[in-house]
């Protein structure tokens, strides 16, 4: 374990401020792309929900034509 700590400490000594800034900027580029994709997918999902919503509401509404086939008659 002490050898590993020495290697980590030596590696951190080589890291300068520019290293962190470059890494942060690199990550931010991917985060922005991800957020754009997430927004696009969210809008597409909302559109599907809007189309299905009317059908789903009708199916979940008062169903007076239920024949009771899923009711257990053995009680």
Protein backbone atom coordinates (compact mmCIF):
# COMPACT_ATOMS: atom_id res chain seq x y z
CA UNK A 1 0.00 0.00 0.00
CA UNK A 2 2.76 2.53 0.70
CA UNK A 3 4.07 1.99 -2.84
CA UNK A 4 0.67 2.82 -4.29
CA UNK A 5 0.41 5.97 -2.18
CA UNK A 6 3.84 7.07 -3.40
CA UNK A 7 2.78 6.55 -7.04
CA UNK A 8 -0.44 8.49 -6.51
CA UNK A 9 1.37 11.34 -4.78
CA UNK A 10 3.94 11.47 -7.59
CA UNK A 11 1.18 11.55 -10.21
CA UNK A 12 -0.66 14.36 -8.42
CA UNK A 13 2.55 16.36 -8.34
CA UNK A 14 2.52 16.41 -12.16
CA UNK A 15 -1.03 17.78 -12.31
CA UNK A 16 -1.23 21.52 -12.86
CA UNK A 17 -4.17 23.90 -13.01
CA UNK A 18 -4.36 23.64 -16.81
CA UNK A 19 -4.84 19.88 -16.50
CA UNK A 20 -7.97 20.37 -14.40
CA UNK A 21 -9.28 23.17 -16.60
CA UNK A 22 -8.82 21.12 -19.77
CA UNK A 23 -10.47 18.10 -18.19
CA UNK A 24 -13.40 20.21 -17.00
CA UNK A 25 -13.91 21.77 -20.44
CA UNK A 26 -13.74 18.35 -22.07
CA UNK A 27 -16.39 16.99 -19.71
CA UNK A 28 -18.60 20.04 -20.20
CA UNK A 29 -18.68 19.43 -23.96
CA UNK A 30 -20.06 15.95 -23.38
CA UNK A 31 -22.51 17.19 -20.75
CA UNK A 32 -23.89 19.75 -23.20
CA UNK A 33 -24.29 17.10 -25.90
CA UNK A 34 -25.97 14.79 -23.40
CA UNK A 35 -28.39 17.49 -22.26
CA UNK A 36 -29.30 18.32 -25.87
CA UNK A 37 -30.02 14.66 -26.55
CA UNK A 38 -31.96 14.30 -23.30
CA UNK A 39 -34.10 17.31 -24.18
CA UNK A 40 -34.79 15.92 -27.65
CA UNK A 41 -35.73 12.51 -26.26
CA UNK A 42 -37.90 14.08 -23.59
CA UNK A 43 -39.82 16.04 -26.21
CA UNK A 44 -40.28 12.91 -28.31
CA UNK A 45 -41.50 10.99 -25.26
CA UNK A 46 -43.97 13.79 -24.46
CA UNK A 47 -45.30 13.62 -28.02
CA UNK A 48 -45.87 9.87 -27.71
CA UNK A 49 -47.59 10.34 -24.35
CA UNK A 50 -49.88 12.96 -25.89
CA UNK A 51 -50.89 10.61 -28.70
CA UNK A 52 -51.38 7.63 -26.37
CA UNK A 53 -52.96 9.75 -23.66
CA UNK A 54 -56.40 9.88 -25.22
CA UNK A 55 -56.51 6.15 -25.78
CA UNK A 56 -55.13 5.40 -22.35
CA UNK A 57 -57.66 7.70 -20.66
CA UNK A 58 -60.53 6.00 -22.44
CA UNK A 59 -59.25 2.56 -21.48
CA UNK A 60 -58.80 3.55 -17.85
CA UNK A 61 -62.17 5.28 -17.61
CA UNK A 62 -65.43 3.80 -16.33
CA UNK A 63 -65.74 0.41 -17.95
CA UNK A 64 -69.41 -0.59 -17.77
CA UNK A 65 -68.93 -3.47 -20.20
CA UNK A 66 -66.78 -5.49 -17.78
CA UNK A 67 -67.88 -9.13 -17.86
CA UNK A 68 -66.21 -10.06 -14.58
CA UNK A 69 -64.07 -12.76 -16.17
CA UNK A 70 -61.16 -11.87 -13.93
CA UNK A 71 -63.21 -12.19 -10.75
CA UNK A 72 -62.69 -15.34 -8.71
CA UNK A 73 -66.13 -17.00 -8.43
CA UNK A 74 -64.94 -19.62 -5.93
CA UNK A 75 -65.42 -17.40 -2.88
